């Protein structure tokens, strides 16, 4: 990860009132109910660590990929969609106050959405957008074995 991206983490935007919840695959994003009960365990460092490491691409967002509830979360979903990333875990942070605080503590980052690649915190909407614009996201996805759909789109343009 570049020094510019790491530095971007520390810039930080205004802290928002955030909440979180255990996520599920995109295909189930609007399905099952059920929150994260259990005496606040959902926000513990261990619980958050499990969620972050459950899949190569993990997003903590407001709403679901099918129905984002804020513009920044929607932008992250759209960027991932542009790259053809549809297999990821999305955690709706508007469902569980413990996870809401837990993810902020875990990353030391005050805002949602938060994107993790291979268990490593990448950043929020602004950083993902920057990575998309400068080509770093294509490279990071490649490290995960994910070929960006933008590469195929470029090939199609060259053929025309």
N, C-alpha and C. Protein backbone atom coordinates (compact mmCIF):
# COMPACT_ATOMS: atom_id res chain seq x y z
N UNK A 1 0.84 -1.16 0.00
CA UNK A 1 0.00 0.00 0.00
C UNK A 1 0.89 1.23 0.00
N UNK A 2 0.51 2.24 -0.76
CA UNK A 2 1.35 3.41 -0.92
C UNK A 2 1.32 4.29 0.33
N UNK A 3 2.39 5.06 0.48
CA UNK A 3 2.48 5.99 1.61
C UNK A 3 1.38 7.04 1.52
N UNK A 4 1.01 7.43 0.30
CA UNK A 4 -0.04 8.42 0.13
C UNK A 4 -1.38 7.90 0.67
N UNK A 5 -1.65 6.62 0.41
CA UNK A 5 -2.89 6.04 0.91
C UNK A 5 -2.86 5.98 2.43
N UNK A 6 -1.74 5.53 2.99
CA UNK A 6 -1.63 5.49 4.46
C UNK A 6 -1.78 6.87 5.05
N UNK A 7 -1.16 7.87 4.43
CA UNK A 7 -1.28 9.24 4.93
C UNK A 7 -2.73 9.70 4.84
N UNK A 8 -3.42 9.27 3.80
CA UNK A 8 -4.82 9.64 3.63
C UNK A 8 -5.69 9.14 4.76
N UNK A 9 -5.34 7.97 5.32
CA UNK A 9 -6.11 7.44 6.46
C UNK A 9 -6.13 8.44 7.58
N UNK A 10 -4.99 9.08 7.78
CA UNK A 10 -4.82 9.92 8.96
C UNK A 10 -5.46 11.28 8.80
N UNK A 11 -5.79 11.65 7.58
CA UNK A 11 -6.40 12.96 7.36
C UNK A 11 -7.74 13.01 8.07
N UNK A 12 -8.54 12.01 7.84
CA UNK A 12 -9.81 11.87 8.55
C UNK A 12 -10.82 12.97 8.27
N UNK A 13 -12.04 12.59 8.03
CA UNK A 13 -13.12 13.54 7.85
C UNK A 13 -13.84 13.70 9.18
N UNK A 14 -14.86 14.52 9.20
CA UNK A 14 -15.62 14.72 10.43
C UNK A 14 -16.22 13.40 10.89
N UNK A 15 -16.15 13.15 12.18
CA UNK A 15 -16.68 11.89 12.72
C UNK A 15 -18.20 11.88 12.58
N UNK A 16 -18.74 10.76 12.17
CA UNK A 16 -20.18 10.62 12.02
C UNK A 16 -20.70 9.66 13.07
N UNK A 17 -21.97 9.75 13.37
CA UNK A 17 -22.58 8.78 14.27
C UNK A 17 -22.78 7.51 13.47
N UNK A 18 -22.05 6.47 13.84
CA UNK A 18 -22.01 5.26 13.02
C UNK A 18 -22.49 4.06 13.81
N UNK A 19 -23.07 3.12 13.07
CA UNK A 19 -23.48 1.86 13.68
C UNK A 19 -23.06 0.74 12.76
N UNK A 20 -22.97 -0.49 13.26
CA UNK A 20 -22.52 -1.61 12.44
C UNK A 20 -23.31 -2.88 12.68
N UNK A 21 -23.08 -3.84 11.80
CA UNK A 21 -23.76 -5.13 11.93
C UNK A 21 -22.99 -6.17 11.14
N UNK A 22 -23.11 -7.40 11.57
CA UNK A 22 -22.45 -8.48 10.84
C UNK A 22 -23.02 -8.55 9.43
N UNK A 23 -22.17 -8.70 8.46
CA UNK A 23 -22.59 -8.69 7.06
C UNK A 23 -22.81 -10.06 6.50
N UNK A 24 -23.10 -10.08 5.23
CA UNK A 24 -23.33 -11.32 4.53
C UNK A 24 -22.96 -11.10 3.07
N UNK A 25 -22.90 -12.18 2.32
CA UNK A 25 -22.54 -12.03 0.91
C UNK A 25 -23.49 -11.09 0.19
N UNK A 26 -23.01 -10.47 -0.87
CA UNK A 26 -23.81 -9.55 -1.65
C UNK A 26 -25.14 -10.17 -2.06
N UNK A 27 -25.12 -11.42 -2.41
CA UNK A 27 -26.34 -12.09 -2.86
C UNK A 27 -27.39 -12.16 -1.75
N UNK A 28 -26.97 -12.02 -0.50
CA UNK A 28 -27.89 -12.08 0.63
C UNK A 28 -28.06 -10.71 1.29
N UNK A 29 -27.58 -9.67 0.68
CA UNK A 29 -27.49 -8.36 1.32
C UNK A 29 -28.83 -7.82 1.79
N UNK A 30 -29.91 -8.12 1.12
CA UNK A 30 -31.20 -7.59 1.54
C UNK A 30 -32.08 -8.67 2.14
N UNK A 31 -31.53 -9.84 2.35
CA UNK A 31 -32.32 -10.97 2.82
C UNK A 31 -32.53 -11.01 4.31
N UNK A 32 -31.97 -11.99 4.94
CA UNK A 32 -32.26 -12.36 6.31
C UNK A 32 -32.20 -11.20 7.30
N UNK A 33 -32.96 -11.35 8.36
CA UNK A 33 -32.94 -10.37 9.43
C UNK A 33 -31.95 -10.81 10.48
N UNK A 34 -32.12 -10.26 11.66
CA UNK A 34 -31.26 -10.68 12.77
C UNK A 34 -30.08 -9.77 12.90
N UNK A 35 -29.90 -9.26 14.08
CA UNK A 35 -28.78 -8.38 14.36
C UNK A 35 -27.68 -9.13 15.04
N UNK A 36 -26.84 -8.39 15.72
CA UNK A 36 -25.72 -8.99 16.43
C UNK A 36 -25.99 -8.89 17.92
N UNK A 37 -26.69 -9.86 18.44
CA UNK A 37 -26.97 -9.86 19.87
C UNK A 37 -25.80 -10.50 20.59
N UNK A 38 -25.89 -10.52 21.90
CA UNK A 38 -24.87 -11.25 22.64
C UNK A 38 -24.03 -10.38 23.53
N UNK A 39 -24.65 -9.44 24.23
CA UNK A 39 -23.93 -8.68 25.25
C UNK A 39 -22.83 -7.79 24.71
N UNK A 40 -22.99 -7.24 23.54
CA UNK A 40 -22.00 -6.31 23.02
C UNK A 40 -20.80 -6.98 22.39
N UNK A 41 -20.83 -8.29 22.26
CA UNK A 41 -19.70 -9.01 21.69
C UNK A 41 -19.41 -8.64 20.24
N UNK A 42 -20.42 -8.15 19.51
CA UNK A 42 -20.25 -7.84 18.10
C UNK A 42 -19.25 -6.71 17.87
N UNK A 43 -19.04 -5.89 18.89
CA UNK A 43 -18.11 -4.77 18.74
C UNK A 43 -16.74 -5.03 19.33
N UNK A 44 -16.53 -6.22 19.87
CA UNK A 44 -15.22 -6.52 20.45
C UNK A 44 -14.17 -6.59 19.36
N UNK A 45 -12.95 -6.36 19.73
CA UNK A 45 -11.85 -6.39 18.76
C UNK A 45 -11.80 -7.76 18.06
N UNK A 46 -12.02 -8.82 18.81
CA UNK A 46 -11.98 -10.17 18.24
C UNK A 46 -13.10 -10.37 17.22
N UNK A 47 -14.30 -9.91 17.55
CA UNK A 47 -15.44 -10.06 16.64
C UNK A 47 -15.21 -9.26 15.36
N UNK A 48 -14.73 -8.04 15.51
CA UNK A 48 -14.45 -7.20 14.35
C UNK A 48 -13.36 -7.84 13.50
N UNK A 49 -12.32 -8.34 14.14
CA UNK A 49 -11.22 -9.00 13.43
C UNK A 49 -11.74 -10.18 12.60
N UNK A 50 -12.64 -10.95 13.15
CA UNK A 50 -13.23 -12.08 12.41
C UNK A 50 -13.96 -11.57 11.17
N UNK A 51 -14.73 -10.51 11.32
CA UNK A 51 -15.48 -9.97 10.18
C UNK A 51 -14.54 -9.44 9.10
N UNK A 52 -13.51 -8.73 9.52
CA UNK A 52 -12.56 -8.13 8.58
C UNK A 52 -11.83 -9.22 7.79
N UNK A 53 -11.58 -10.35 8.43
CA UNK A 53 -10.80 -11.42 7.79
C UNK A 53 -11.66 -12.50 7.15
N UNK A 54 -12.98 -12.35 7.18
CA UNK A 54 -13.86 -13.41 6.68
C UNK A 54 -13.85 -13.56 5.16
N UNK A 55 -13.34 -12.57 4.46
CA UNK A 55 -13.39 -12.58 3.00
C UNK A 55 -12.32 -11.64 2.48
N UNK A 56 -11.82 -11.85 1.27
CA UNK A 56 -10.78 -10.95 0.74
C UNK A 56 -11.22 -9.50 0.60
N UNK A 57 -12.50 -9.25 0.34
CA UNK A 57 -13.01 -7.88 0.21
C UNK A 57 -14.17 -7.72 1.19
N UNK A 58 -14.00 -6.79 2.12
CA UNK A 58 -15.02 -6.54 3.15
C UNK A 58 -15.29 -5.05 3.22
N UNK A 59 -16.57 -4.70 3.25
CA UNK A 59 -16.98 -3.30 3.30
C UNK A 59 -17.94 -3.11 4.47
N UNK A 60 -17.64 -2.14 5.32
CA UNK A 60 -18.58 -1.70 6.35
C UNK A 60 -19.22 -0.44 5.80
N UNK A 61 -20.55 -0.47 5.69
CA UNK A 61 -21.25 0.61 5.00
C UNK A 61 -22.59 0.89 5.67
N UNK A 62 -23.21 1.98 5.25
CA UNK A 62 -24.57 2.29 5.70
C UNK A 62 -25.53 1.74 4.66
N UNK A 63 -26.35 0.79 5.08
CA UNK A 63 -27.26 0.13 4.16
C UNK A 63 -26.63 -1.12 3.60
N UNK A 64 -27.12 -1.53 2.46
CA UNK A 64 -26.64 -2.75 1.80
C UNK A 64 -26.19 -2.37 0.38
N UNK A 65 -25.43 -3.26 -0.28
CA UNK A 65 -25.05 -2.96 -1.67
C UNK A 65 -26.27 -2.74 -2.57
N UNK A 66 -27.34 -3.45 -2.31
CA UNK A 66 -28.55 -3.29 -3.11
C UNK A 66 -29.29 -2.00 -2.78
N UNK A 67 -29.09 -1.50 -1.56
CA UNK A 67 -29.77 -0.28 -1.14
C UNK A 67 -28.89 0.52 -0.18
N UNK A 68 -27.85 1.17 -0.71
CA UNK A 68 -26.99 2.01 0.15
C UNK A 68 -27.81 3.16 0.72
N UNK A 69 -27.51 3.53 1.96
CA UNK A 69 -28.28 4.57 2.63
C UNK A 69 -27.49 5.86 2.82
N UNK A 70 -26.36 5.97 2.15
CA UNK A 70 -25.65 7.25 2.11
C UNK A 70 -24.85 7.32 0.82
N UNK A 71 -24.57 8.52 0.40
CA UNK A 71 -23.87 8.73 -0.86
C UNK A 71 -22.47 8.14 -0.89
N UNK A 72 -21.76 8.18 0.25
CA UNK A 72 -20.40 7.66 0.30
C UNK A 72 -20.40 6.13 0.18
N UNK A 73 -21.35 5.50 0.88
CA UNK A 73 -21.47 4.04 0.77
C UNK A 73 -21.85 3.66 -0.66
N UNK A 74 -22.75 4.42 -1.26
CA UNK A 74 -23.14 4.16 -2.64
C UNK A 74 -21.94 4.29 -3.58
N UNK A 75 -21.10 5.29 -3.36
CA UNK A 75 -19.92 5.47 -4.21
C UNK A 75 -18.98 4.27 -4.13
N UNK A 76 -18.78 3.74 -2.92
CA UNK A 76 -17.92 2.56 -2.76
C UNK A 76 -18.51 1.37 -3.52
N UNK A 77 -19.81 1.16 -3.39
CA UNK A 77 -20.48 0.07 -4.10
C UNK A 77 -20.30 0.25 -5.61
N UNK A 78 -20.46 1.47 -6.09
CA UNK A 78 -20.35 1.74 -7.53
C UNK A 78 -18.92 1.52 -8.03
N UNK A 79 -17.93 1.93 -7.24
CA UNK A 79 -16.53 1.71 -7.63
C UNK A 79 -16.24 0.22 -7.71
N UNK A 80 -16.67 -0.54 -6.71
CA UNK A 80 -16.46 -1.99 -6.75
C UNK A 80 -17.18 -2.59 -7.95
N UNK A 81 -18.37 -2.12 -8.22
CA UNK A 81 -19.15 -2.63 -9.36
C UNK A 81 -18.43 -2.33 -10.68
N UNK A 82 -17.87 -1.13 -10.82
CA UNK A 82 -17.11 -0.78 -12.02
C UNK A 82 -15.96 -1.74 -12.27
N UNK A 83 -15.36 -2.20 -11.19
CA UNK A 83 -14.23 -3.12 -11.29
C UNK A 83 -14.69 -4.58 -11.39
N UNK A 84 -16.00 -4.80 -11.37
CA UNK A 84 -16.53 -6.15 -11.49
C UNK A 84 -16.44 -6.95 -10.20
N UNK A 85 -16.23 -6.27 -9.08
CA UNK A 85 -16.14 -6.96 -7.79
C UNK A 85 -17.56 -7.09 -7.24
N UNK A 86 -18.09 -8.30 -7.33
CA UNK A 86 -19.44 -8.54 -6.82
C UNK A 86 -19.44 -9.51 -5.65
N UNK A 87 -18.36 -10.25 -5.50
CA UNK A 87 -18.25 -11.20 -4.41
C UNK A 87 -17.47 -10.55 -3.27
N UNK A 88 -18.21 -9.92 -2.37
CA UNK A 88 -17.60 -9.31 -1.20
C UNK A 88 -18.60 -9.33 -0.05
N UNK A 89 -18.10 -9.10 1.15
CA UNK A 89 -18.96 -9.07 2.32
C UNK A 89 -19.26 -7.62 2.66
N UNK A 90 -20.54 -7.32 2.78
CA UNK A 90 -20.98 -5.98 3.14
C UNK A 90 -21.67 -6.04 4.49
N UNK A 91 -21.24 -5.18 5.40
CA UNK A 91 -21.79 -5.12 6.74
C UNK A 91 -22.53 -3.81 6.91
N UNK A 92 -23.83 -3.89 7.14
CA UNK A 92 -24.66 -2.70 7.32
C UNK A 92 -24.45 -2.15 8.72
N UNK A 93 -23.82 -0.98 8.80
CA UNK A 93 -23.47 -0.41 10.10
C UNK A 93 -24.60 0.35 10.77
N UNK A 94 -25.79 0.27 10.22
CA UNK A 94 -26.93 0.96 10.84
C UNK A 94 -27.77 0.03 11.71
N UNK A 95 -27.26 -1.17 11.96
CA UNK A 95 -28.04 -2.16 12.68
C UNK A 95 -27.56 -2.47 14.09
N UNK A 96 -26.30 -2.20 14.40
CA UNK A 96 -25.71 -2.65 15.66
C UNK A 96 -24.78 -1.60 16.25
N UNK A 97 -25.20 -0.93 17.30
CA UNK A 97 -24.37 0.13 17.90
C UNK A 97 -23.01 -0.37 18.40
N UNK A 98 -22.93 -1.62 18.83
CA UNK A 98 -21.65 -2.15 19.32
C UNK A 98 -20.65 -2.31 18.18
N UNK A 99 -21.10 -2.88 17.08
CA UNK A 99 -20.22 -3.02 15.93
C UNK A 99 -19.90 -1.65 15.34
N UNK A 100 -20.87 -0.78 15.38
CA UNK A 100 -20.67 0.61 14.91
C UNK A 100 -19.45 1.24 15.57
N UNK A 101 -19.38 1.14 16.87
CA UNK A 101 -18.24 1.70 17.59
C UNK A 101 -17.01 0.81 17.44
N UNK A 102 -17.23 -0.49 17.43
CA UNK A 102 -16.12 -1.43 17.34
C UNK A 102 -15.28 -1.27 16.09
N UNK A 103 -15.93 -1.04 14.94
CA UNK A 103 -15.16 -0.91 13.70
C UNK A 103 -14.38 0.40 13.70
N UNK A 104 -14.94 1.44 14.30
CA UNK A 104 -14.20 2.71 14.40
C UNK A 104 -12.98 2.54 15.28
N UNK A 105 -13.14 1.83 16.38
CA UNK A 105 -12.01 1.59 17.28
C UNK A 105 -10.95 0.71 16.61
N UNK A 106 -11.41 -0.30 15.91
CA UNK A 106 -10.50 -1.26 15.27
C UNK A 106 -9.59 -0.57 14.25
N UNK A 107 -10.17 0.27 13.43
CA UNK A 107 -9.42 0.91 12.35
C UNK A 107 -8.81 2.25 12.77
N UNK A 108 -9.28 2.79 13.88
CA UNK A 108 -8.89 4.13 14.28
C UNK A 108 -9.26 5.13 13.18
N UNK A 109 -10.41 4.90 12.58
CA UNK A 109 -10.91 5.72 11.47
C UNK A 109 -12.35 6.08 11.81
N UNK A 110 -12.70 7.36 11.80
CA UNK A 110 -14.00 7.77 12.36
C UNK A 110 -15.20 7.66 11.44
N UNK A 111 -15.01 7.35 10.17
CA UNK A 111 -16.14 7.42 9.25
C UNK A 111 -16.44 6.08 8.58
N UNK A 112 -17.64 6.02 8.05
CA UNK A 112 -18.13 4.89 7.28
C UNK A 112 -18.45 5.44 5.90
N UNK A 113 -18.15 4.73 4.84
CA UNK A 113 -17.77 3.34 4.74
C UNK A 113 -16.29 3.10 5.03
N UNK A 114 -15.98 1.84 5.32
CA UNK A 114 -14.61 1.38 5.50
C UNK A 114 -14.42 0.14 4.64
N UNK A 115 -13.31 0.12 3.90
CA UNK A 115 -13.02 -0.98 2.97
C UNK A 115 -11.77 -1.70 3.45
N UNK A 116 -11.85 -3.04 3.45
CA UNK A 116 -10.72 -3.90 3.83
C UNK A 116 -10.43 -4.84 2.68
N UNK A 117 -9.17 -4.93 2.31
CA UNK A 117 -8.72 -5.87 1.29
C UNK A 117 -7.75 -6.84 1.94
N UNK A 118 -8.10 -8.11 1.89
CA UNK A 118 -7.27 -9.15 2.49
C UNK A 118 -6.97 -8.87 3.96
N UNK A 119 -7.95 -8.40 4.68
CA UNK A 119 -7.82 -8.13 6.11
C UNK A 119 -7.13 -6.83 6.45
N UNK A 120 -6.73 -6.06 5.45
CA UNK A 120 -6.01 -4.80 5.70
C UNK A 120 -6.93 -3.62 5.39
N UNK A 121 -6.98 -2.68 6.33
CA UNK A 121 -7.79 -1.49 6.14
C UNK A 121 -7.21 -0.65 5.01
N UNK A 122 -8.05 -0.36 4.03
CA UNK A 122 -7.64 0.45 2.89
C UNK A 122 -8.02 1.90 3.11
N UNK A 123 -9.24 2.14 3.56
CA UNK A 123 -9.72 3.50 3.78
C UNK A 123 -11.20 3.57 3.52
N UNK A 124 -11.65 4.80 3.30
CA UNK A 124 -13.06 5.03 3.04
C UNK A 124 -13.31 5.39 1.60
N UNK A 125 -14.38 6.10 1.37
CA UNK A 125 -14.81 6.45 0.02
C UNK A 125 -13.75 7.26 -0.72
N UNK A 126 -13.23 8.30 -0.08
CA UNK A 126 -12.26 9.17 -0.76
C UNK A 126 -11.01 8.42 -1.19
N UNK A 127 -10.52 7.56 -0.31
CA UNK A 127 -9.30 6.81 -0.63
C UNK A 127 -9.58 5.78 -1.72
N UNK A 128 -10.71 5.09 -1.64
CA UNK A 128 -11.05 4.12 -2.68
C UNK A 128 -11.21 4.83 -4.03
N UNK A 129 -11.82 6.01 -4.02
CA UNK A 129 -11.97 6.78 -5.25
C UNK A 129 -10.60 7.17 -5.81
N UNK A 130 -9.71 7.62 -4.94
CA UNK A 130 -8.36 7.98 -5.36
C UNK A 130 -7.64 6.77 -5.96
N UNK A 131 -7.76 5.62 -5.30
CA UNK A 131 -7.13 4.40 -5.79
C UNK A 131 -7.72 4.00 -7.15
N UNK A 132 -9.01 4.19 -7.31
CA UNK A 132 -9.67 3.90 -8.58
C UNK A 132 -9.11 4.81 -9.67
N UNK A 133 -8.99 6.09 -9.36
CA UNK A 133 -8.56 7.07 -10.35
C UNK A 133 -7.10 6.90 -10.75
N UNK A 134 -6.24 6.53 -9.80
CA UNK A 134 -4.80 6.44 -10.14
C UNK A 134 -4.35 5.02 -10.51
N UNK A 135 -5.28 4.06 -10.52
CA UNK A 135 -4.94 2.71 -10.94
C UNK A 135 -4.48 1.79 -9.83
N UNK A 136 -4.32 2.32 -8.62
CA UNK A 136 -3.88 1.47 -7.50
C UNK A 136 -4.89 0.38 -7.16
N UNK A 137 -6.18 0.66 -7.35
CA UNK A 137 -7.19 -0.34 -7.00
C UNK A 137 -7.07 -1.57 -7.90
N UNK A 138 -6.79 -1.35 -9.18
CA UNK A 138 -6.59 -2.47 -10.11
C UNK A 138 -5.46 -3.36 -9.59
N UNK A 139 -4.37 -2.73 -9.15
CA UNK A 139 -3.20 -3.48 -8.66
C UNK A 139 -3.52 -4.21 -7.35
N UNK A 140 -4.22 -3.55 -6.44
CA UNK A 140 -4.57 -4.19 -5.16
C UNK A 140 -5.51 -5.38 -5.39
N UNK A 141 -6.46 -5.23 -6.29
CA UNK A 141 -7.36 -6.34 -6.60
C UNK A 141 -6.59 -7.50 -7.22
N UNK A 142 -5.63 -7.17 -8.07
CA UNK A 142 -4.81 -8.19 -8.72
C UNK A 142 -4.08 -9.04 -7.67
N UNK A 143 -3.61 -8.41 -6.60
CA UNK A 143 -2.93 -9.13 -5.51
C UNK A 143 -3.87 -10.14 -4.85
N UNK A 144 -5.17 -9.88 -4.93
CA UNK A 144 -6.17 -10.77 -4.34
C UNK A 144 -6.64 -11.82 -5.34
N UNK A 145 -6.10 -11.77 -6.53
CA UNK A 145 -6.54 -12.70 -7.57
C UNK A 145 -7.81 -12.27 -8.26
N UNK A 146 -8.13 -10.99 -8.16
CA UNK A 146 -9.34 -10.44 -8.77
C UNK A 146 -8.93 -9.58 -9.96
N UNK A 147 -9.38 -9.95 -11.13
CA UNK A 147 -9.08 -9.17 -12.32
C UNK A 147 -10.13 -8.08 -12.46
N UNK A 148 -9.70 -6.84 -12.51
CA UNK A 148 -10.63 -5.72 -12.64
C UNK A 148 -11.32 -5.76 -14.00
N UNK A 149 -12.61 -5.56 -13.99
CA UNK A 149 -13.38 -5.50 -15.24
C UNK A 149 -12.95 -4.32 -16.09
N UNK A 150 -12.33 -3.32 -15.48
CA UNK A 150 -11.87 -2.17 -16.26
C UNK A 150 -10.77 -2.56 -17.23
N UNK A 151 -10.00 -3.58 -16.90
CA UNK A 151 -8.96 -4.04 -17.82
C UNK A 151 -9.58 -4.60 -19.09
N UNK A 152 -10.67 -5.33 -18.93
CA UNK A 152 -11.37 -5.89 -20.08
C UNK A 152 -12.04 -4.77 -20.89
N UNK A 153 -12.54 -3.76 -20.21
CA UNK A 153 -13.17 -2.62 -20.89
C UNK A 153 -12.13 -1.87 -21.72
N UNK A 154 -10.91 -1.74 -21.19
CA UNK A 154 -9.84 -1.08 -21.94
C UNK A 154 -9.50 -1.87 -23.20
N UNK A 155 -9.44 -3.20 -23.08
CA UNK A 155 -9.15 -4.04 -24.25
C UNK A 155 -10.24 -3.87 -25.30
N UNK A 156 -11.49 -3.82 -24.86
CA UNK A 156 -12.59 -3.66 -25.81
C UNK A 156 -12.50 -2.33 -26.53
N UNK A 157 -12.10 -1.27 -25.83
CA UNK A 157 -11.94 0.05 -26.44
C UNK A 157 -10.83 0.05 -27.48
N UNK A 158 -9.74 -0.66 -27.18
CA UNK A 158 -8.59 -0.72 -28.09
C UNK A 158 -8.97 -1.42 -29.40
N UNK A 159 -9.89 -2.39 -29.33
CA UNK A 159 -10.30 -3.14 -30.51
C UNK A 159 -11.13 -2.27 -31.46
N UNK A 160 -11.76 -1.24 -30.93
CA UNK A 160 -12.67 -0.41 -31.74
C UNK A 160 -11.92 0.62 -32.52
